[in-house]
Amino acid sequence: MNKFISSGVALIIALFIFSSTVFVVDQRQYAIVFALGEMKKIINEPGLHFKLPPPFQNVLFLDKRILTIDSPESDRFITAEKKNILVDSFVKWHITDPKLYYISLGGEEQRANDRLNQIVKAALNDEITKRTVRDVISGERSKVMEALRTKVSAEAKEIGVEIIDVRLKRVDYVEQINNSVYDRMKAERTRVANELRSTGYAESEKIRADADKQSTVILAEAYREAEKLKGDGDGRASKIYAQAFDQNPEFYKFYRSLEAYRNSFKNKNDVLVIDPNSDFFHYFKGPGRQSK
């Protein structure tokens, strides 16, 4: 019985020792094998691996996946105009050099997050302090992110990390200057509206003046043409009258006298005070008779 118990205990101890010498590396992990506290080897490939039992050798696992740093609070920065803005950003990163990562940060992910946050804030401060609010929000936002990614990537390599992406999620004014910004935007829009109204009014006056000018020119040309036609008509009438006069002067005088009588006595109430022996009544006394 004692022999059976001893064999069982020995088997358990053997299994325990064997399990402490075997470890599995997941495809999402790096494994660093330490021998008496000294880094012995780094395993990149997934699978079953062996080591000496503790305390001779132990294993540290590092996450190989792409990790995200997304700060829950906005950071405040000052622009070139001395304006305070709030910036939310996030960083995508992963470990590329496990040995350097461990030497720099002790293999602790939280320390890596803190270090990368410091690097990102410093780079953001460098980029924002030399740009205006307008540039950061819209004008040069892509340039800011590109410069930010370049700076952060260069420093991240020194701790065995590669930066996949750095993005600005939100850029906003601090609460204290929102009202002044809105007032300035309103004043700017009002100025633009007034400028457009002035331009439109000036353009309408120009069009109206041009229309008045064209109207005056058209009326003047029409009046000139009418006067020309009237002059031509009067000239032709005079010519016809002259021809008629040359053909029969007495008849011409008689016809003109009839026209004068018709125009003088057109209405029943017309009154004419004149000497009956005047030339005006020459043909009243009889055609062809001479006045006395």
Protein backbone atom coordinates (compact mmCIF):
# COMPACT_ATOMS: atom_id res chain seq x y z
CA MET A 1 0.00 0.00 0.00
CA ASN A 2 2.79 2.37 0.94
CA LYS A 3 4.53 1.46 -2.29
CA PHE A 4 1.40 2.35 -4.29
CA ILE A 5 1.09 5.73 -2.53
CA SER A 6 4.74 6.49 -3.10
CA SER A 7 4.38 5.69 -6.80
CA GLY A 8 1.33 7.96 -7.05
CA VAL A 9 3.12 10.84 -5.35
CA ALA A 10 6.14 10.36 -7.61
CA LEU A 11 3.87 10.38 -10.67
CA ILE A 12 2.17 13.58 -9.55
CA ILE A 13 5.53 15.23 -8.93
CA ALA A 14 6.71 14.06 -12.34
CA LEU A 15 3.59 15.43 -14.02
CA PHE A 16 4.02 18.72 -12.19
CA ILE A 17 7.63 18.99 -13.26
CA PHE A 18 6.73 18.05 -16.83
CA SER A 19 3.91 20.61 -16.99
CA SER A 20 6.30 23.29 -15.74
CA THR A 21 8.64 22.52 -18.62
CA VAL A 22 6.01 22.73 -21.34
CA PHE A 23 4.32 25.91 -22.54
CA VAL A 24 2.16 26.87 -25.53
CA VAL A 25 2.71 30.05 -27.53
CA ASP A 26 -0.48 31.41 -29.08
CA GLN A 27 -0.39 32.92 -32.59
CA ARG A 28 -1.35 36.25 -30.99
CA GLN A 29 1.64 36.24 -28.64
CA TYR A 30 5.38 36.59 -28.32
CA ALA A 31 7.16 34.52 -25.68
CA ILE A 32 10.38 35.56 -23.91
CA VAL A 33 12.22 32.78 -22.11
CA PHE A 34 14.32 33.85 -19.11
CA ALA A 35 17.06 31.76 -17.50
CA LEU A 36 17.82 32.83 -13.91
CA GLY A 37 16.49 36.32 -14.68
CA GLU A 38 18.47 36.70 -17.91
CA MET A 39 16.72 36.87 -21.28
CA LYS A 40 17.51 33.59 -23.01
CA LYS A 41 15.46 33.55 -26.20
CA ILE A 42 12.43 35.08 -27.92
CA ILE A 43 9.82 32.86 -29.56
CA ASN A 44 7.81 34.37 -32.43
CA GLU A 45 6.21 31.24 -33.83
CA PRO A 46 3.11 29.66 -32.25
CA GLY A 47 3.18 26.06 -31.01
CA LEU A 48 4.33 23.77 -28.19
CA HIS A 49 7.71 24.60 -26.62
CA PHE A 50 9.87 23.31 -23.78
CA LYS A 51 11.94 24.93 -21.06
CA LEU A 52 13.58 24.08 -17.77
CA PRO A 53 11.31 24.11 -14.74
CA PRO A 54 11.25 27.14 -12.41
CA PRO A 55 13.28 28.68 -10.95
CA PHE A 56 15.76 27.81 -13.68
CA GLN A 57 13.65 29.19 -16.52
CA ASN A 58 10.39 31.13 -16.76
CA VAL A 59 8.34 32.59 -19.65
CA LEU A 60 6.84 36.06 -20.23
CA PHE A 61 4.08 36.42 -22.84
CA LEU A 62 3.60 39.65 -24.83
CA ASP A 63 0.59 40.58 -26.94
CA LYS A 64 1.39 40.52 -30.67
CA ARG A 65 -1.95 42.04 -31.79
CA ILE A 66 -2.62 45.63 -32.81
CA LEU A 67 -3.51 47.55 -29.67
CA THR A 68 -5.40 50.81 -29.24
CA ILE A 69 -4.81 53.78 -26.96
CA ASP A 70 -8.01 55.80 -26.73
CA SER A 71 -7.87 58.37 -23.97
CA PRO A 72 -11.27 58.98 -22.33
CA GLU A 73 -10.46 62.64 -21.62
CA SER A 74 -9.60 65.45 -24.03
CA ASP A 75 -6.22 67.14 -23.84
CA ARG A 76 -5.90 70.93 -23.91
CA PHE A 77 -3.45 72.64 -26.26
CA ILE A 78 -2.67 76.26 -27.21
CA THR A 79 -2.62 77.32 -30.86
CA ALA A 80 -0.43 79.93 -32.54
CA GLU A 81 -3.19 82.49 -31.80
CA LYS A 82 -2.96 81.70 -28.08
CA LYS A 83 -6.37 80.01 -28.17
CA ASN A 84 -7.16 76.96 -26.06
CA ILE A 85 -8.56 73.93 -27.85
CA LEU A 86 -9.50 70.43 -26.76
CA VAL A 87 -8.21 67.46 -28.78
CA ASP A 88 -9.27 63.81 -28.66
CA SER A 89 -6.92 61.34 -30.34
CA PHE A 90 -6.30 57.63 -30.59
CA VAL A 91 -3.26 55.53 -31.47
CA LYS A 92 -3.00 52.09 -33.09
CA TRP A 93 0.24 50.25 -32.27
CA HIS A 94 1.84 46.83 -31.90
CA ILE A 95 5.07 45.32 -30.66
CA THR A 96 7.71 44.66 -33.32
CA ASP A 97 10.84 44.13 -31.17
CA PRO A 98 9.96 42.15 -28.04
CA LYS A 99 13.51 42.34 -26.64
CA LEU A 100 13.73 46.14 -26.91
CA TYR A 101 10.14 46.45 -25.68
CA TYR A 102 10.98 44.46 -22.56
CA ILE A 103 14.22 46.34 -21.91
CA SER A 104 12.49 49.72 -22.30
CA LEU A 105 9.21 49.04 -20.51
CA GLY A 106 9.64 45.80 -18.59
CA GLY A 107 7.03 44.19 -20.83
CA GLU A 108 4.16 46.06 -19.12
CA GLU A 109 1.41 47.21 -21.47
CA GLN A 110 0.26 49.98 -19.15
CA ARG A 111 3.74 51.49 -19.10
CA ALA A 112 3.76 51.31 -22.90
CA ASN A 113 0.40 53.15 -23.03
CA ASP A 114 1.64 55.84 -20.69
CA ARG A 115 4.87 56.31 -22.66
CA LEU A 116 3.05 56.49 -25.99
CA ASN A 117 0.54 58.95 -24.55
CA GLN A 118 3.41 61.21 -23.51
CA ILE A 119 4.98 60.96 -26.96
CA VAL A 120 1.66 61.76 -28.69
CA LYS A 121 0.96 64.76 -26.43
CA ALA A 122 4.42 66.19 -27.01
CA ALA A 123 4.11 65.76 -30.78
CA LEU A 124 0.61 67.27 -30.76
CA ASN A 125 1.83 70.25 -28.77
CA ASP A 126 4.66 70.84 -31.28
CA GLU A 127 2.28 70.73 -34.24
CA ILE A 128 -0.62 72.71 -32.77
CA THR A 129 1.42 75.56 -31.28
CA LYS A 130 2.61 76.56 -34.75
CA ARG A 131 -0.82 76.47 -36.39
CA THR A 132 -4.03 78.46 -36.08
CA VAL A 133 -7.36 77.07 -34.89
CA ARG A 134 -8.67 77.10 -38.45
CA ASP A 135 -5.67 75.07 -39.66
CA VAL A 136 -6.02 72.46 -36.93
CA ILE A 137 -9.79 72.06 -37.32
CA SER A 138 -10.05 71.92 -41.10
CA GLY A 139 -7.39 73.66 -43.16
CA GLU A 140 -4.33 71.49 -42.38
CA ARG A 141 -5.81 68.69 -40.30
CA SER A 142 -4.45 65.96 -42.57
CA LYS A 143 -0.99 67.57 -42.45
CA VAL A 144 -1.13 67.65 -38.65
CA MET A 145 -1.96 63.94 -38.49
CA GLU A 146 0.76 63.06 -41.00
CA ALA A 147 3.41 65.02 -39.10
CA LEU A 148 2.13 63.54 -35.85
CA ARG A 149 2.39 59.98 -37.19
CA THR A 150 5.95 60.60 -38.41
CA LYS A 151 7.18 61.98 -35.07
CA VAL A 152 5.45 59.38 -32.93
CA SER A 153 6.67 56.52 -35.16
CA ALA A 154 10.28 57.68 -34.89
CA GLU A 155 10.18 57.74 -31.07
CA ALA A 156 8.11 54.57 -30.79
CA LYS A 157 10.78 52.56 -32.63
CA GLU A 158 13.16 53.29 -29.75
CA ILE A 159 10.98 51.22 -27.42
CA GLY A 160 10.34 48.36 -29.86
CA VAL A 161 6.89 49.54 -30.99
CA GLU A 162 5.51 50.32 -34.45
CA ILE A 163 2.78 52.95 -34.84
CA ILE A 164 0.05 51.84 -37.24
CA ASP A 165 -2.00 55.03 -37.16
CA VAL A 166 -2.56 58.24 -35.20
CA ARG A 167 -5.87 60.08 -35.61
CA LEU A 168 -7.55 63.19 -34.26
CA LYS A 169 -11.12 62.21 -33.35
CA ARG A 170 -12.37 65.62 -32.24
CA VAL A 171 -10.99 69.15 -32.11
CA ASP A 172 -13.12 71.66 -30.25
CA TYR A 173 -12.92 74.96 -28.40
CA VAL A 174 -12.90 75.11 -24.65
CA GLU A 175 -16.18 76.17 -23.05
CA GLN A 176 -14.96 79.64 -22.12
CA ILE A 177 -14.36 80.83 -25.68
CA ASN A 178 -17.29 79.16 -27.46
CA ASN A 179 -19.50 82.26 -27.22
CA SER A 180 -16.81 84.60 -28.52
CA VAL A 181 -16.09 82.23 -31.40
CA TYR A 182 -19.78 82.03 -32.32
CA ASP A 183 -20.06 85.83 -32.14
CA ARG A 184 -17.06 86.20 -34.40
CA MET A 185 -18.48 83.66 -36.85
CA LYS A 186 -21.81 85.52 -36.83
CA ALA A 187 -20.07 88.86 -37.42
CA GLU A 188 -18.08 87.33 -40.28
CA ARG A 189 -21.24 85.92 -41.91
CA THR A 190 -23.00 89.29 -41.46
CA ARG A 191 -20.07 91.07 -43.09
CA VAL A 192 -20.13 88.66 -46.03
CA ALA A 193 -23.91 89.07 -46.38
CA ASN A 194 -23.64 92.86 -46.34
CA GLU A 195 -20.84 92.73 -48.87
CA LEU A 196 -22.94 90.53 -51.15
CA ARG A 197 -25.93 92.87 -50.76
CA SER A 198 -23.76 95.89 -51.61
CA THR A 199 -22.34 94.11 -54.62
CA GLY A 200 -25.84 93.13 -55.75
CA TYR A 201 -27.17 96.67 -55.27
CA ALA A 202 -24.24 98.13 -57.23
CA GLU A 203 -24.80 95.57 -59.98
CA SER A 204 -28.54 96.34 -60.09
CA GLU A 205 -27.82 100.08 -60.34
CA LYS A 206 -25.39 99.40 -63.14
CA ILE A 207 -27.97 97.30 -65.01
CA ARG A 208 -30.68 99.93 -64.40
CA ALA A 209 -28.40 102.74 -65.63
CA ASP A 210 -27.51 100.72 -68.70
CA ALA A 211 -31.21 100.05 -69.38
CA ASP A 212 -32.05 103.77 -68.98
CA LYS A 213 -29.22 104.65 -71.32
CA GLN A 214 -30.41 102.18 -73.93
CA SER A 215 -33.98 103.45 -73.53
CA THR A 216 -32.85 107.06 -74.03
CA VAL A 217 -30.78 106.10 -77.06
CA ILE A 218 -33.67 104.13 -78.59
CA LEU A 219 -36.15 106.99 -78.00
CA ALA A 220 -33.70 109.54 -79.42
CA GLU A 221 -33.10 107.43 -82.49
CA ALA A 222 -36.84 106.88 -82.90
CA TYR A 223 -37.53 110.61 -82.54
CA ARG A 224 -34.77 111.40 -85.01
CA GLU A 225 -36.19 108.88 -87.46
CA ALA A 226 -39.70 110.26 -86.96
CA GLU A 227 -38.52 113.82 -87.52
CA LYS A 228 -36.64 112.68 -90.58
CA LEU A 229 -39.72 110.94 -91.95
CA LYS A 230 -41.86 113.95 -91.06
CA GLY A 231 -39.38 116.27 -92.80
CA ASP A 232 -39.36 114.03 -95.85
CA GLY A 233 -43.18 114.00 -95.82
CA ASP A 234 -43.37 117.77 -95.47
CA GLY A 235 -40.86 118.17 -98.25
CA ARG A 236 -42.83 115.87 -100.53
CA ALA A 237 -46.06 117.62 -99.63
CA SER A 238 -44.51 120.98 -100.36
CA LYS A 239 -43.22 119.64 -103.64
CA ILE A 240 -46.69 118.34 -104.54
CA TYR A 241 -48.24 121.63 -103.51
CA ALA A 242 -45.68 123.50 -105.63
CA GLN A 243 -46.37 121.28 -108.62
CA ALA A 244 -50.11 121.81 -108.20
CA PHE A 245 -49.59 125.55 -107.87
CA ASP A 246 -47.54 125.60 -111.07
CA GLN A 247 -50.24 123.73 -112.97
CA ASN A 248 -53.18 125.93 -111.88
CA PRO A 249 -52.35 128.75 -109.48
CA GLU A 250 -55.97 129.93 -109.21
CA PHE A 251 -57.26 126.48 -108.29
CA TYR A 252 -54.44 126.06 -105.76
CA LYS A 253 -55.41 129.33 -104.08
CA PHE A 254 -59.06 128.29 -104.10
CA TYR A 255 -58.22 124.88 -102.53
CA ARG A 256 -56.08 126.42 -99.81
CA SER A 257 -58.80 128.96 -99.03
CA LEU A 258 -61.33 126.12 -98.61
CA GLU A 259 -58.98 124.41 -96.17
CA ALA A 260 -58.66 127.66 -94.23
CA TYR A 261 -62.48 128.05 -94.11
CA ARG A 262 -62.89 124.44 -92.95
CA ASN A 263 -60.32 124.82 -90.14
CA SER A 264 -61.66 128.24 -89.08
CA PHE A 265 -65.34 127.22 -88.88
CA LYS A 266 -64.94 123.66 -87.64
CA ASN A 267 -67.19 124.18 -84.59
CA LYS A 268 -70.56 125.96 -84.43
CA ASN A 269 -69.36 128.15 -81.60
CA ASP A 270 -66.34 129.46 -83.48
CA VAL A 271 -66.44 133.26 -83.99
CA LEU A 272 -64.18 135.19 -86.36
CA VAL A 273 -64.04 139.00 -86.28
CA ILE A 274 -62.55 140.27 -89.51
CA ASP A 275 -63.18 142.83 -92.24
CA PRO A 276 -65.60 141.34 -94.83
CA ASN A 277 -63.57 142.94 -97.63
CA SER A 278 -60.35 141.21 -96.57
CA ASP A 279 -58.61 138.70 -98.79
CA PHE A 280 -59.76 135.91 -96.46
CA PHE A 281 -63.30 136.18 -97.87
CA HIS A 282 -62.15 136.52 -101.46
CA TYR A 283 -63.68 133.17 -102.56
CA PHE A 284 -66.79 133.69 -100.41
CA LYS A 285 -67.87 136.40 -102.84
CA GLY A 286 -67.42 134.09 -105.81
CA PRO A 287 -64.69 132.05 -107.40
CA GLY A 288 -62.22 133.99 -109.47
CA ARG A 289 -63.51 137.40 -108.34
CA GLN A 290 -60.98 140.00 -107.41
CA SER A 291 -61.14 141.61 -104.04
CA LYS A 292 -61.77 145.32 -103.88
